[in-house]
Protein backbone atom coordinates (compact mmCIF):
# COMPACT_ATOMS: atom_id res chain seq x y z
CA MET A 1 -23.98 19.21 -3.19
CA LYS A 2 -25.34 15.72 -2.21
CA ALA A 3 -24.59 14.23 1.15
CA THR A 4 -22.05 11.23 0.67
CA LYS A 5 -21.45 8.26 2.85
CA PRO A 6 -17.80 7.36 3.46
CA VAL A 7 -16.31 5.56 0.87
CA SER A 8 -15.40 1.74 1.24
CA PHE A 9 -12.71 -0.08 -0.76
CA GLU A 10 -13.48 -3.29 0.81
CA ASP A 11 -16.57 -4.29 -1.19
CA THR A 12 -15.35 -6.71 -3.83
CA SER A 13 -18.67 -7.28 -5.34
CA VAL A 14 -18.49 -3.54 -6.81
CA ALA A 15 -14.51 -3.79 -7.45
CA PHE A 16 -15.11 -6.92 -9.68
CA SER A 17 -18.60 -6.13 -10.85
CA SER A 18 -17.37 -5.88 -14.54
CA LYS A 19 -15.62 -9.21 -14.27
CA SER A 20 -16.90 -12.56 -15.34
CA ASN A 21 -16.06 -15.83 -13.31
CA TYR A 22 -13.89 -16.50 -16.19
CA ARG A 23 -12.18 -13.46 -16.31
CA LEU A 24 -12.03 -13.39 -12.50
CA PHE A 25 -10.23 -16.67 -12.66
CA LYS A 26 -7.48 -15.72 -15.19
CA MET A 27 -6.73 -12.61 -12.76
CA TYR A 28 -6.26 -15.30 -10.29
CA LEU A 29 -3.76 -17.01 -11.94
CA LEU A 30 -1.91 -13.73 -13.48
CA PHE A 31 -1.56 -12.32 -9.88
CA GLY A 32 -0.97 -15.38 -7.84
CA GLY A 33 2.00 -15.89 -10.43
CA MET A 34 3.31 -12.12 -9.77
CA HIS A 35 3.96 -13.24 -6.13
CA PHE A 36 7.18 -14.77 -7.28
CA ASN A 37 9.82 -12.11 -7.88
CA LYS A 38 12.22 -14.30 -9.62
CA LEU A 39 9.83 -15.96 -11.88
CA VAL A 40 8.45 -12.76 -13.22
CA LYS A 41 12.38 -11.49 -13.88
CA ILE A 42 12.89 -15.25 -15.77
CA ALA A 43 9.33 -14.81 -17.84
CA ASN A 44 9.99 -11.35 -18.82
CA ASN A 45 13.60 -12.23 -19.97
CA LEU A 46 11.96 -15.38 -21.96
CA ILE A 47 9.49 -13.18 -23.37
CA SER A 48 12.02 -10.71 -25.03
CA PHE A 49 14.01 -13.53 -26.24
CA PHE A 50 11.13 -15.03 -27.91
CA PHE A 51 10.14 -11.90 -29.43
CA LYS A 52 13.98 -11.42 -30.83
CA ILE A 53 13.85 -14.99 -32.72
CA ASN A 54 10.47 -14.43 -33.80
CA PHE A 55 8.92 -17.41 -31.90
CA PRO A 56 5.06 -17.21 -31.81
CA VAL A 57 4.41 -16.17 -28.44
CA LYS A 58 2.50 -13.06 -29.22
CA PRO A 59 -0.72 -14.75 -28.86
CA LEU A 60 0.24 -16.19 -25.23
CA ILE A 61 1.08 -12.49 -24.02
CA LYS A 62 -1.89 -10.93 -25.98
CA TYR A 63 -4.63 -12.95 -24.24
CA THR A 64 -2.91 -12.93 -20.65
CA VAL A 65 -0.83 -9.79 -19.15
CA PHE A 66 -1.69 -7.98 -22.34
CA GLU A 67 -5.12 -8.32 -22.17
CA HIS A 68 -5.31 -7.37 -18.32
CA PHE A 69 -3.37 -4.24 -18.40
CA CYS A 70 -4.08 -2.79 -22.03
CA GLY A 71 -6.70 -1.95 -23.92
CA GLY A 72 -5.75 -3.33 -27.22
CA GLU A 73 -3.23 -2.79 -30.08
CA THR A 74 -4.86 0.32 -31.66
CA ILE A 75 -7.51 2.73 -30.53
CA LEU A 76 -10.34 0.90 -32.39
CA GLU A 77 -9.34 -2.36 -30.51
CA SER A 78 -9.41 -0.34 -27.30
CA GLU A 79 -13.04 0.89 -28.01
CA LYS A 80 -14.31 -2.45 -26.10
CA THR A 81 -12.30 -1.62 -22.82
CA ILE A 82 -13.55 2.11 -23.16
CA ARG A 83 -17.14 1.09 -23.30
CA GLU A 84 -16.86 -1.57 -20.67
CA LEU A 85 -15.49 1.11 -18.43
CA ALA A 86 -17.93 3.55 -19.24
CA LYS A 87 -20.93 1.26 -18.09
CA PHE A 88 -19.71 1.81 -14.54
CA ASN A 89 -18.96 5.43 -15.13
CA ILE A 90 -15.37 5.08 -15.11
CA GLY A 91 -13.40 7.10 -17.92
CA ALA A 92 -10.61 6.42 -19.96
CA ILE A 93 -7.24 8.07 -20.20
CA LEU A 94 -6.02 6.57 -24.02
CA ASP A 95 -2.27 6.23 -23.36
CA TYR A 96 -0.24 5.27 -26.62
CA SER A 97 2.52 3.16 -25.11
CA VAL A 98 5.03 2.60 -27.59
CA GLU A 99 8.34 3.54 -26.51
CA GLY A 100 11.94 3.52 -27.79
CA GLU A 101 11.72 6.04 -30.88
CA LYS A 102 14.80 7.69 -31.57
CA THR A 103 14.28 9.60 -34.97
CA GLU A 104 12.75 12.68 -35.95
CA GLN A 105 10.37 10.88 -38.06
CA GLY A 106 9.53 8.26 -35.37
CA PHE A 107 8.69 11.03 -32.78
CA ASP A 108 6.81 12.80 -35.29
CA LYS A 109 4.66 9.52 -36.19
CA THR A 110 4.13 9.44 -32.28
CA ALA A 111 2.77 12.79 -32.31
CA GLU A 112 0.16 11.90 -34.76
CA GLU A 113 -1.13 9.09 -32.98
CA ILE A 114 -1.28 11.01 -29.90
CA ILE A 115 -3.45 13.54 -31.89
CA ARG A 116 -5.49 10.92 -32.98
CA THR A 117 -6.33 9.80 -29.66
CA ILE A 118 -7.01 13.41 -28.83
CA ASN A 119 -9.66 13.45 -31.91
CA LYS A 120 -11.04 10.26 -30.73
CA SER A 121 -12.00 11.76 -27.13
CA ARG A 122 -13.64 14.81 -29.06
CA ASP A 123 -16.69 13.96 -28.98
CA SER A 124 -17.10 11.37 -26.14
CA ASP A 125 -17.37 11.88 -22.45
CA ASP A 126 -16.01 8.34 -22.04
CA ILE A 127 -12.55 9.66 -22.75
CA PRO A 128 -11.75 12.60 -20.66
CA PHE A 129 -8.19 12.80 -20.83
CA CYS A 130 -5.52 11.98 -22.94
CA VAL A 131 -1.55 11.56 -22.28
CA PHE A 132 1.83 11.70 -23.61
CA LYS A 133 5.23 11.02 -22.62
CA PRO A 134 7.69 13.74 -23.43
CA THR A 135 10.40 11.17 -24.43
CA GLY A 136 8.08 10.05 -26.75
CA VAL A 137 8.15 13.05 -28.71
CA ALA A 138 11.79 14.29 -27.83
CA PRO A 139 14.99 13.13 -27.90
CA ALA A 140 15.76 12.40 -23.82
CA ASP A 141 19.48 13.20 -24.52
CA LEU A 142 18.37 16.63 -25.60
CA LEU A 143 15.99 17.20 -22.75
CA THR A 144 19.10 16.21 -20.42
CA LYS A 145 21.39 18.75 -22.21
CA ILE A 146 19.33 21.41 -22.28
CA GLN A 147 18.65 21.27 -18.50
CA SER A 148 22.43 21.02 -17.78
CA GLY A 149 22.88 24.57 -19.47
CA ALA A 150 25.35 23.18 -21.97
CA LYS A 151 25.26 25.11 -25.42
CA LEU A 152 23.62 23.55 -28.24
CA THR A 153 24.82 22.96 -31.73
CA GLU A 154 22.86 24.51 -34.64
CA GLN A 155 21.33 21.06 -35.10
CA GLU A 156 20.24 20.33 -31.63
CA CYS A 157 18.54 23.83 -31.76
CA GLN A 158 16.73 22.94 -34.80
CA SER A 159 15.54 19.52 -33.20
CA PHE A 160 14.48 21.25 -29.89
CA GLN A 161 12.12 23.84 -32.33
CA MET A 162 10.57 20.58 -33.61
CA VAL A 163 9.93 19.23 -30.22
CA LYS A 164 8.23 22.42 -29.22
CA THR A 165 6.30 22.54 -32.18
CA ARG A 166 5.27 18.87 -31.55
CA VAL A 167 4.24 19.61 -28.22
CA GLU A 168 2.13 22.73 -29.09
CA ASN A 169 0.47 21.27 -31.49
CA ILE A 170 -0.67 18.13 -29.28
CA CYS A 171 -1.70 20.80 -26.57
CA HIS A 172 -3.63 23.00 -29.27
CA GLU A 173 -5.81 20.06 -30.56
CA ALA A 174 -6.30 19.35 -27.32
CA HIS A 175 -7.85 22.61 -26.66
CA ARG A 176 -9.38 22.72 -29.96
CA CYS A 177 -11.29 19.11 -28.95
CA ASN A 178 -12.19 20.09 -25.01
CA THR A 179 -9.99 17.44 -24.07
CA ARG A 180 -7.73 17.39 -20.94
CA ILE A 181 -4.15 16.59 -21.76
CA LEU A 182 -1.62 15.04 -19.28
CA ILE A 183 2.05 15.16 -19.69
CA ASP A 184 3.72 12.38 -18.21
CA GLY A 185 6.66 12.87 -15.70
CA GLU A 186 10.29 11.69 -16.63
CA GLU A 187 13.57 11.59 -14.40
CA SER A 188 14.74 14.57 -12.76
CA TRP A 189 17.79 15.40 -14.82
CA MET A 190 15.47 16.38 -17.61
CA GLN A 191 12.17 17.13 -15.76
CA ASP A 192 13.09 20.85 -15.56
CA THR A 193 12.92 21.44 -19.47
CA ILE A 194 9.74 19.64 -19.48
CA ASP A 195 8.38 21.81 -16.68
CA GLU A 196 9.23 25.00 -18.87
CA LEU A 197 7.55 23.64 -22.01
CA ALA A 198 4.60 22.43 -19.57
CA TYR A 199 4.29 25.89 -17.97
CA GLU A 200 4.30 27.59 -21.54
CA MET A 201 1.55 25.42 -22.83
CA MET A 202 -0.43 26.19 -19.68
CA VAL A 203 -0.27 30.07 -20.21
CA LYS A 204 -1.50 29.62 -23.47
CA PHE A 205 -4.19 27.00 -23.09
CA ASN A 206 -5.46 27.25 -19.64
CA ARG A 207 -6.82 30.49 -19.76
CA GLU A 208 -10.75 29.47 -19.21
CA LYS A 209 -10.17 25.93 -18.19
CA VAL A 210 -7.61 23.58 -17.19
CA VAL A 211 -6.69 21.77 -20.55
CA VAL A 212 -2.91 20.90 -19.76
CA TYR A 213 -1.68 19.04 -16.72
CA ASN A 214 2.02 18.59 -15.58
CA THR A 215 2.90 15.58 -13.57
CA PHE A 216 4.33 15.93 -10.14
CA GLN A 217 6.37 12.96 -8.71
CA MET A 218 5.95 13.43 -4.94
CA TYR A 219 8.68 11.05 -4.05
CA ARG A 220 11.00 13.85 -5.22
CA THR A 221 12.11 16.15 -1.96
CA ASP A 222 11.58 19.29 -3.80
CA MET A 223 8.33 18.39 -5.62
CA LEU A 224 5.90 20.02 -2.76
CA ASP A 225 7.69 23.18 -3.27
CA ASN A 226 8.03 22.72 -7.33
CA LEU A 227 3.92 22.59 -7.16
CA LYS A 228 3.52 25.65 -4.95
CA SER A 229 6.01 27.40 -7.07
CA ALA A 230 4.10 26.25 -10.46
CA PHE A 231 0.87 27.29 -8.89
CA SER A 232 2.10 30.96 -8.39
CA MET A 233 3.86 31.37 -11.52
CA VAL A 234 0.86 30.05 -13.77
CA ILE A 235 -1.72 32.27 -11.61
CA ASP A 236 0.42 35.45 -11.98
CA ARG A 237 0.65 34.95 -15.55
CA GLY A 238 -3.35 34.92 -15.84
CA SER A 239 -3.59 30.97 -16.25
CA LEU A 240 -4.80 28.06 -14.42
CA LEU A 241 -2.83 24.96 -12.85
CA GLY A 242 -3.19 21.51 -14.16
CA ALA A 243 -1.54 18.90 -11.77
CA LYS A 244 -1.32 15.35 -12.03
CA LEU A 245 -0.11 13.92 -8.77
CA VAL A 246 1.73 10.69 -8.50
CA ARG A 247 4.26 9.08 -6.16
CA GLY A 248 6.85 8.46 -8.78
CA ALA A 249 8.19 5.50 -11.09
CA TYR A 250 12.09 6.15 -11.53
CA MET A 251 13.19 5.63 -7.75
CA GLU A 252 16.03 3.01 -8.28
CA LYS A 253 17.32 4.71 -11.30
CA GLU A 254 17.16 8.07 -9.85
CA ARG A 255 19.26 6.97 -6.77
CA ASP A 256 21.90 4.69 -8.87
CA ARG A 257 22.72 7.70 -10.82
CA ALA A 258 22.98 10.02 -7.83
CA ALA A 259 25.23 7.80 -6.31
CA GLU A 260 27.32 7.04 -9.46
CA MET A 261 27.60 11.01 -10.00
CA GLY A 262 28.33 11.76 -6.47
CA TYR A 263 25.35 14.39 -5.91
CA VAL A 264 22.48 14.35 -3.33
CA SER A 265 19.70 11.80 -4.22
CA PRO A 266 16.69 13.90 -5.14
CA ILE A 267 14.13 10.98 -3.93
CA GLN A 268 12.69 10.83 -0.41
CA PRO A 269 14.48 9.22 2.19
CA ASP A 270 11.55 6.73 2.82
CA LYS A 271 8.34 5.89 2.02
CA ALA A 272 6.50 7.58 4.71
CA SER A 273 8.10 10.82 3.54
CA SER A 274 6.54 10.34 0.12
CA ASP A 275 3.18 9.58 1.66
CA ARG A 276 3.24 12.82 3.80
CA ASP A 277 4.07 15.23 0.75
CA PHE A 278 1.64 13.40 -1.70
CA ASN A 279 -1.30 14.03 1.15
CA LEU A 280 0.01 17.98 1.48
CA ALA A 281 -0.40 18.13 -2.37
CA LEU A 282 -3.32 17.10 -2.39
CA LYS A 283 -4.62 19.39 0.55
CA PHE A 284 -2.66 22.24 -1.32
CA CYS A 285 -4.78 21.64 -4.90
CA VAL A 286 -8.18 21.04 -2.85
CA ASP A 287 -7.49 24.23 -0.85
CA ASN A 288 -6.86 25.98 -4.23
CA TYR A 289 -9.34 24.13 -5.94
CA ASP A 290 -10.69 27.18 -7.77
CA ALA A 291 -7.52 27.64 -9.81
CA ILE A 292 -5.83 24.23 -9.94
CA GLY A 293 -7.34 21.12 -12.10
CA LEU A 294 -6.20 18.07 -10.05
CA CYS A 295 -5.91 14.37 -11.22
CA SER A 296 -4.73 12.18 -8.56
CA GLY A 297 -3.01 9.33 -9.58
CA THR A 298 -2.37 6.76 -7.00
CA HIS A 299 -3.21 3.17 -5.91
CA ASN A 300 -2.67 4.24 -2.22
CA GLU A 301 -6.00 3.53 -0.46
CA TYR A 302 -5.41 6.22 2.24
CA SER A 303 -4.67 8.93 -0.14
CA ASN A 304 -7.88 8.35 -1.88
CA LEU A 305 -9.95 8.19 0.97
CA TYR A 306 -8.24 11.39 2.26
CA LEU A 307 -8.89 13.17 -0.82
CA THR A 308 -12.82 12.22 -0.73
CA GLN A 309 -12.73 13.68 2.82
CA LEU A 310 -10.73 16.91 2.05
CA MET A 311 -13.49 17.33 -0.97
CA GLU A 312 -16.28 16.77 1.64
CA GLU A 313 -14.85 19.54 4.19
CA LYS A 314 -14.51 21.87 1.04
CA LYS A 315 -18.10 20.99 -0.01
CA ILE A 316 -16.86 20.02 -3.29
CA ASP A 317 -19.29 17.75 -5.19
CA PRO A 318 -17.99 14.66 -5.97
CA ALA A 319 -18.83 15.07 -9.47
CA ASP A 320 -17.26 18.42 -9.89
CA PRO A 321 -15.02 17.91 -13.13
CA ILE A 322 -12.12 19.97 -11.33
CA ILE A 323 -11.39 16.46 -9.44
CA PHE A 324 -10.59 13.39 -11.06
CA PHE A 325 -9.32 10.08 -9.28
CA ALA A 326 -6.84 7.92 -11.44
CA GLN A 327 -5.37 4.59 -11.67
CA LEU A 328 -3.91 2.28 -13.94
CA TYR A 329 -6.07 -0.48 -16.19
CA GLY A 330 -5.83 -3.86 -14.69
CA MET A 331 -5.12 -2.34 -10.96
CA SER A 332 -6.60 -1.23 -7.82
CA ASP A 333 -10.48 -2.03 -9.10
CA ASN A 334 -11.68 -1.99 -5.66
CA ILE A 335 -10.49 1.73 -5.47
CA SER A 336 -11.67 2.61 -8.98
CA PHE A 337 -14.90 1.26 -8.99
CA ASN A 338 -16.21 1.93 -5.40
CA LEU A 339 -15.14 5.88 -5.59
CA SER A 340 -17.17 5.74 -9.23
CA LYS A 341 -20.26 3.93 -7.40
CA SER A 342 -19.90 6.77 -4.65
CA GLY A 343 -20.41 9.46 -7.60
CA TYR A 344 -16.78 10.41 -7.89
CA ASN A 345 -14.82 11.16 -11.34
CA VAL A 346 -12.60 8.26 -11.78
CA VAL A 347 -10.46 7.50 -14.77
CA LYS A 348 -8.08 4.64 -15.81
CA TYR A 349 -4.91 4.69 -17.76
CA VAL A 350 -5.69 2.47 -20.71
CA PRO A 351 -2.44 1.72 -22.50
CA TYR A 352 -2.69 0.50 -26.14
CA GLY A 353 -0.01 -0.32 -29.04
CA PRO A 354 1.44 -3.53 -30.90
CA VAL A 355 1.82 -6.03 -28.27
CA GLN A 356 5.69 -6.21 -28.97
CA ALA A 357 6.18 -2.50 -28.54
CA VAL A 358 4.25 -2.37 -25.41
CA LEU A 359 6.38 -5.00 -23.81
CA PRO A 360 8.26 -2.27 -21.86
CA TYR A 361 5.10 -1.04 -20.41
CA LEU A 362 4.13 -4.56 -19.52
CA PHE A 363 7.51 -5.50 -17.88
CA ARG A 364 7.03 -2.48 -15.53
CA ARG A 365 3.66 -3.66 -14.63
CA SER A 366 4.60 -7.18 -13.72
CA GLN A 367 8.01 -6.00 -11.82
CA GLU A 368 6.04 -3.51 -9.92
CA ASN A 369 3.20 -5.88 -8.91
CA SER A 370 6.05 -8.31 -7.92
CA SER A 371 8.25 -6.06 -6.18
CA VAL A 372 6.27 -3.29 -4.75
CA ALA A 373 5.52 -4.22 -1.03
CA GLY A 374 1.86 -5.53 -0.76
CA GLN A 375 0.79 -4.46 -4.38
CA SER A 376 0.27 -8.05 -5.64
CA SER A 377 -0.82 -9.34 -2.33
CA ARG A 378 -3.61 -6.77 -2.30
CA GLU A 379 -4.88 -7.37 -5.48
CA PHE A 380 -4.56 -11.22 -5.17
CA ALA A 381 -6.28 -11.22 -1.63
CA TYR A 382 -9.07 -9.13 -3.28
CA ILE A 383 -9.36 -11.36 -6.00
CA LYS A 384 -9.67 -14.32 -4.03
CA ARG A 385 -12.19 -12.70 -1.55
CA GLU A 386 -14.55 -12.14 -4.73
CA ILE A 387 -13.84 -15.89 -5.97
CA LYS A 388 -14.99 -16.88 -2.15
CA ARG A 389 -17.97 -14.74 -2.21
CA ARG A 390 -19.00 -15.86 -5.63
CA LEU A 391 -18.82 -19.72 -4.71
CA GLY A 392 -20.98 -18.92 -1.16
CA MET A 393 -23.56 -17.38 -3.32
CA SER A 394 -23.53 -20.16 -5.96
CA ARG A 395 -23.89 -22.74 -3.13
CA SER A 396 -26.67 -21.04 -1.34
CA THR A 397 -28.63 -20.80 -4.59
CA GLN A 398 -28.40 -24.65 -4.96
CA PRO A 399 -31.39 -26.68 -4.01
CA GLY A 400 -30.94 -28.35 -0.72
């Protein structure tokens, strides 16, 4: 293992090394606007309205917020983004981000597109992961009903068999193409059903190496124990565990549903508790890294730094493919690019899909940046610092 110096996330020259002055200025305007929560909500409502009435707003969206957070409308369009990241040794997670399918035909089409992303990654070291959202290939109501223990109708049984076939086809293709596949997390009232499918796939396809990864949302109070139980179960069945750790994405929805239906919320009481369990989960995975493939999905600077320290303590080479750091495309470049420069395995989620179909994803990103404490402010601060640095360099090179 090569000696590594401590990683710093403060170097903006590294963070924005892939961005031209023009692109940096567009980012300045974008994140500057995200400071205003009410403005973001109004803009999102207006965009939805304009698309409904077929107002030609697509070019404006495509070359602003879509361009910043997405790779393109198709796999082919996303190749430019993939190549751009690869220049800085950052891999791409191709993420078909179309949502809202409700029919078996729609679920089949989504599964076929996910398999196309896997085929694209087959001969490319630049795409070490692909991903799918379970509700993109399965009816959410059906997953929820199965978890509730209610008896299924004959039609629902057939529908679930189709779900299992889609999931197995995706995982089988990932195994065949030597590509890692991430199964995204969903709400707690259907997650148990997804977990069972995920572990079934791990037992089939994670025998020699980690191919299938399940998502563990650490803002749930039970998730650290779930991670440990999943590890024991998969290991006992002769396979390896694939774990993608995130803090979580459905906090408000989870709490509202728990209050409405009168059960105890599964969400941690505060951010400190989520942070504690996330970092404990990192330690558990690193302590068992010989049998766990880890994808650490976080924009939290401390957690990323902590993982590098855990790896150093265990003498795990930064380039060991058993551990990856992951962030969303268009966010936390100070983390991604500085980690990559220090030799760690870094990947970015690169969503793609038709502009209108990806709007739900874009709305979540804009709302997240305007509402999560410190997120847009942190991004904006780094952007301003880099602009100031470049202006200073420009002045210093001018003739006196």
